[in-house]
């Protein structure tokens, strides 16, 4: 992989996160540019670093894409940005 605008390209991995609030929940698909996929287990509580929301429109439908610098299990034992 080579540099692009001074930043090294990385493989992109998509991680499905569930955000619970009050009596509702929302599933977010978050891409993470890391060398290895984050090592997570269903039900892990995680720390999401550098989360960005990027709105976009497709055929008149407004959507939001999410990306993060890293996603780590709360205990810090998983893969993150290198």
N, C-alpha and C. Protein backbone atom coordinates (compact mmCIF):
# COMPACT_ATOMS: atom_id res chain seq x y z
N UNK A 1 0.84 -1.18 0.00
CA UNK A 1 0.00 0.00 0.00
C UNK A 1 0.88 1.24 0.00
N UNK A 2 0.43 2.27 -0.68
CA UNK A 2 1.25 3.45 -0.80
C UNK A 2 0.62 4.68 -0.18
N UNK A 3 1.41 5.74 -0.09
CA UNK A 3 0.89 6.96 0.52
C UNK A 3 -0.09 7.68 -0.40
N UNK A 4 -1.13 8.25 0.17
CA UNK A 4 -2.09 9.07 -0.55
C UNK A 4 -2.26 10.35 0.25
N UNK A 5 -1.87 11.46 -0.34
CA UNK A 5 -1.95 12.75 0.36
C UNK A 5 -1.27 12.70 1.72
N UNK A 6 -0.14 12.00 1.81
CA UNK A 6 0.60 11.94 3.05
C UNK A 6 0.07 10.93 4.05
N UNK A 7 -0.98 10.20 3.69
CA UNK A 7 -1.56 9.21 4.61
C UNK A 7 -1.42 7.84 3.96
N UNK A 8 -1.04 6.84 4.73
CA UNK A 8 -0.94 5.49 4.20
C UNK A 8 -2.32 4.89 4.08
N UNK A 9 -2.58 4.29 2.91
CA UNK A 9 -3.86 3.61 2.71
C UNK A 9 -3.89 2.36 3.58
N UNK A 10 -5.05 1.98 4.03
CA UNK A 10 -5.21 0.77 4.82
C UNK A 10 -6.44 0.04 4.30
N UNK A 11 -6.48 -1.25 4.55
CA UNK A 11 -7.68 -2.00 4.21
C UNK A 11 -8.82 -1.50 5.06
N UNK A 12 -10.02 -1.56 4.53
CA UNK A 12 -11.21 -1.11 5.24
C UNK A 12 -11.99 -2.33 5.72
N UNK A 13 -12.34 -2.35 6.98
CA UNK A 13 -13.18 -3.40 7.53
C UNK A 13 -14.46 -2.75 8.05
N UNK A 14 -15.58 -3.44 7.86
CA UNK A 14 -16.86 -2.94 8.34
C UNK A 14 -17.24 -3.69 9.61
N UNK A 15 -17.65 -2.95 10.62
CA UNK A 15 -18.04 -3.51 11.91
C UNK A 15 -19.45 -3.05 12.21
N UNK A 16 -20.33 -4.00 12.54
CA UNK A 16 -21.70 -3.65 12.92
C UNK A 16 -21.73 -3.41 14.42
N UNK A 17 -22.16 -2.22 14.80
CA UNK A 17 -22.27 -1.87 16.21
C UNK A 17 -23.74 -1.63 16.55
N UNK A 18 -24.13 -1.99 17.75
CA UNK A 18 -25.49 -1.73 18.21
C UNK A 18 -25.41 -0.70 19.32
N UNK A 19 -26.12 0.41 19.11
CA UNK A 19 -26.17 1.48 20.12
C UNK A 19 -27.51 1.39 20.83
N UNK A 20 -27.47 1.15 22.14
CA UNK A 20 -28.71 1.08 22.94
C UNK A 20 -28.91 2.41 23.65
N UNK A 21 -30.14 2.88 23.66
CA UNK A 21 -30.49 4.07 24.43
C UNK A 21 -31.95 3.96 24.83
N UNK A 22 -32.21 4.32 26.08
CA UNK A 22 -33.55 4.19 26.66
C UNK A 22 -34.11 2.80 26.36
N UNK A 23 -35.22 2.72 25.65
CA UNK A 23 -35.81 1.41 25.35
C UNK A 23 -35.68 1.08 23.87
N UNK A 24 -34.71 1.70 23.19
CA UNK A 24 -34.57 1.50 21.75
C UNK A 24 -33.12 1.16 21.42
N UNK A 25 -32.88 0.74 20.20
CA UNK A 25 -31.52 0.42 19.75
C UNK A 25 -31.40 0.75 18.27
N UNK A 26 -30.18 1.02 17.85
CA UNK A 26 -29.90 1.30 16.44
C UNK A 26 -28.63 0.57 16.05
N UNK A 27 -28.63 -0.03 14.87
CA UNK A 27 -27.44 -0.71 14.36
C UNK A 27 -26.70 0.24 13.42
N UNK A 28 -25.40 0.39 13.65
CA UNK A 28 -24.56 1.24 12.82
C UNK A 28 -23.49 0.40 12.15
N UNK A 29 -23.29 0.58 10.86
CA UNK A 29 -22.20 -0.07 10.16
C UNK A 29 -21.07 0.94 10.09
N UNK A 30 -19.94 0.62 10.72
CA UNK A 30 -18.81 1.55 10.83
C UNK A 30 -17.60 0.95 10.13
N UNK A 31 -17.01 1.68 9.19
CA UNK A 31 -15.79 1.20 8.55
C UNK A 31 -14.58 1.66 9.36
N UNK A 32 -13.56 0.80 9.37
CA UNK A 32 -12.35 1.07 10.14
C UNK A 32 -11.15 0.75 9.24
N UNK A 33 -10.26 1.73 9.00
CA UNK A 33 -9.08 1.50 8.17
C UNK A 33 -7.91 0.97 9.00
N UNK A 34 -7.83 -0.34 9.15
CA UNK A 34 -6.77 -0.96 9.94
C UNK A 34 -6.16 -2.12 9.15
N UNK A 35 -4.96 -2.52 9.50
CA UNK A 35 -4.28 -3.61 8.81
C UNK A 35 -4.97 -4.95 9.03
N UNK A 36 -5.49 -5.17 10.21
CA UNK A 36 -6.17 -6.41 10.55
C UNK A 36 -7.56 -6.08 11.08
N UNK A 37 -8.55 -6.96 10.85
CA UNK A 37 -9.90 -6.65 11.34
C UNK A 37 -9.94 -6.59 12.86
N UNK A 38 -10.79 -5.72 13.41
CA UNK A 38 -10.94 -5.67 14.87
C UNK A 38 -11.40 -7.04 15.39
N UNK A 39 -10.81 -7.48 16.48
CA UNK A 39 -11.18 -8.76 17.09
C UNK A 39 -12.22 -8.48 18.17
N UNK A 40 -13.48 -8.75 17.81
CA UNK A 40 -14.58 -8.47 18.72
C UNK A 40 -15.48 -9.69 18.82
N UNK A 41 -16.15 -9.81 19.94
CA UNK A 41 -17.11 -10.88 20.17
C UNK A 41 -18.47 -10.25 20.36
N UNK A 42 -19.50 -10.91 19.85
CA UNK A 42 -20.86 -10.40 20.00
C UNK A 42 -21.12 -10.10 21.47
N UNK A 43 -21.62 -8.91 21.75
CA UNK A 43 -21.91 -8.50 23.12
C UNK A 43 -20.81 -7.71 23.78
N UNK A 44 -19.62 -7.63 23.12
CA UNK A 44 -18.53 -6.81 23.68
C UNK A 44 -18.95 -5.36 23.79
N UNK A 45 -18.55 -4.72 24.86
CA UNK A 45 -18.65 -3.27 24.95
C UNK A 45 -17.37 -2.75 24.32
N UNK A 46 -17.49 -1.69 23.52
CA UNK A 46 -16.33 -1.22 22.77
C UNK A 46 -16.06 0.26 23.00
N UNK A 47 -14.85 0.65 22.64
CA UNK A 47 -14.44 2.05 22.61
C UNK A 47 -14.24 2.37 21.13
N UNK A 48 -14.94 3.38 20.65
CA UNK A 48 -14.83 3.81 19.26
C UNK A 48 -14.06 5.12 19.24
N UNK A 49 -12.91 5.12 18.58
CA UNK A 49 -12.07 6.32 18.54
C UNK A 49 -12.22 7.02 17.19
N UNK A 50 -12.39 8.32 17.22
CA UNK A 50 -12.43 9.11 16.00
C UNK A 50 -13.64 8.83 15.12
N UNK A 51 -14.81 8.62 15.71
CA UNK A 51 -16.01 8.34 14.94
C UNK A 51 -16.43 9.57 14.14
N UNK A 52 -16.68 9.37 12.84
CA UNK A 52 -17.15 10.43 11.96
C UNK A 52 -18.43 9.99 11.28
N UNK A 53 -19.39 10.89 11.16
CA UNK A 53 -20.61 10.65 10.41
C UNK A 53 -20.53 11.47 9.13
N UNK A 54 -20.76 10.82 7.98
CA UNK A 54 -20.66 11.49 6.69
C UNK A 54 -21.99 11.36 5.95
N UNK A 55 -22.79 12.42 5.90
CA UNK A 55 -24.07 12.35 5.21
C UNK A 55 -23.86 12.28 3.69
N UNK A 56 -24.75 11.56 3.02
CA UNK A 56 -24.72 11.48 1.56
C UNK A 56 -26.14 11.25 1.06
N UNK A 57 -26.38 11.50 -0.23
CA UNK A 57 -27.71 11.37 -0.82
C UNK A 57 -27.62 10.45 -2.02
N UNK A 58 -28.58 9.51 -2.11
CA UNK A 58 -28.67 8.60 -3.24
C UNK A 58 -30.12 8.54 -3.69
N UNK A 59 -30.39 8.94 -4.92
CA UNK A 59 -31.76 8.94 -5.46
C UNK A 59 -32.73 9.67 -4.55
N UNK A 60 -32.31 10.79 -3.99
CA UNK A 60 -33.17 11.58 -3.13
C UNK A 60 -33.28 11.10 -1.70
N UNK A 61 -32.66 9.96 -1.37
CA UNK A 61 -32.68 9.43 -0.01
C UNK A 61 -31.43 9.86 0.74
N UNK A 62 -31.62 10.48 1.88
CA UNK A 62 -30.49 10.92 2.69
C UNK A 62 -30.02 9.77 3.57
N UNK A 63 -28.74 9.50 3.54
CA UNK A 63 -28.14 8.43 4.33
C UNK A 63 -26.96 8.99 5.12
N UNK A 64 -26.46 8.21 6.05
CA UNK A 64 -25.26 8.59 6.81
C UNK A 64 -24.31 7.39 6.83
N UNK A 65 -23.08 7.61 6.43
CA UNK A 65 -22.04 6.59 6.52
C UNK A 65 -21.17 6.92 7.73
N UNK A 66 -20.68 5.89 8.40
CA UNK A 66 -19.86 6.08 9.58
C UNK A 66 -18.49 5.45 9.38
N UNK A 67 -17.46 6.15 9.87
CA UNK A 67 -16.11 5.57 9.90
C UNK A 67 -15.47 5.96 11.22
N UNK A 68 -14.50 5.15 11.64
CA UNK A 68 -13.79 5.42 12.89
C UNK A 68 -12.31 5.11 12.70
N UNK A 69 -11.49 5.73 13.52
CA UNK A 69 -10.05 5.46 13.50
C UNK A 69 -9.77 4.06 14.02
N UNK A 70 -10.47 3.68 15.09
CA UNK A 70 -10.31 2.32 15.64
C UNK A 70 -11.53 1.95 16.45
N UNK A 71 -11.72 0.65 16.59
CA UNK A 71 -12.77 0.10 17.45
C UNK A 71 -12.10 -0.98 18.29
N UNK A 72 -12.11 -0.78 19.59
CA UNK A 72 -11.43 -1.70 20.51
C UNK A 72 -12.41 -2.22 21.55
N UNK A 73 -12.25 -3.49 21.98
CA UNK A 73 -13.05 -3.94 23.11
C UNK A 73 -12.72 -3.07 24.32
N UNK A 74 -13.67 -2.89 25.20
CA UNK A 74 -13.48 -2.04 26.36
C UNK A 74 -12.26 -2.46 27.18
N UNK A 75 -11.95 -3.76 27.18
CA UNK A 75 -10.76 -4.23 27.92
C UNK A 75 -9.47 -3.99 27.14
N UNK A 76 -9.55 -3.49 25.87
CA UNK A 76 -8.36 -3.11 25.11
C UNK A 76 -7.59 -4.25 24.50
N UNK A 77 -8.16 -5.46 24.39
CA UNK A 77 -7.38 -6.59 23.92
C UNK A 77 -7.51 -6.84 22.42
N UNK A 78 -8.32 -6.07 21.69
CA UNK A 78 -8.54 -6.33 20.27
C UNK A 78 -7.61 -5.55 19.38
N UNK A 79 -7.82 -5.68 18.05
CA UNK A 79 -7.01 -4.95 17.09
C UNK A 79 -7.54 -3.53 16.95
N UNK A 80 -6.66 -2.62 16.71
CA UNK A 80 -7.07 -1.23 16.49
C UNK A 80 -6.22 -0.63 15.43
N UNK A 81 -6.11 0.67 15.40
CA UNK A 81 -5.26 1.30 14.38
C UNK A 81 -3.81 1.03 14.74
N UNK A 82 -3.03 0.78 13.73
CA UNK A 82 -1.62 0.46 13.94
C UNK A 82 -0.76 1.65 13.61
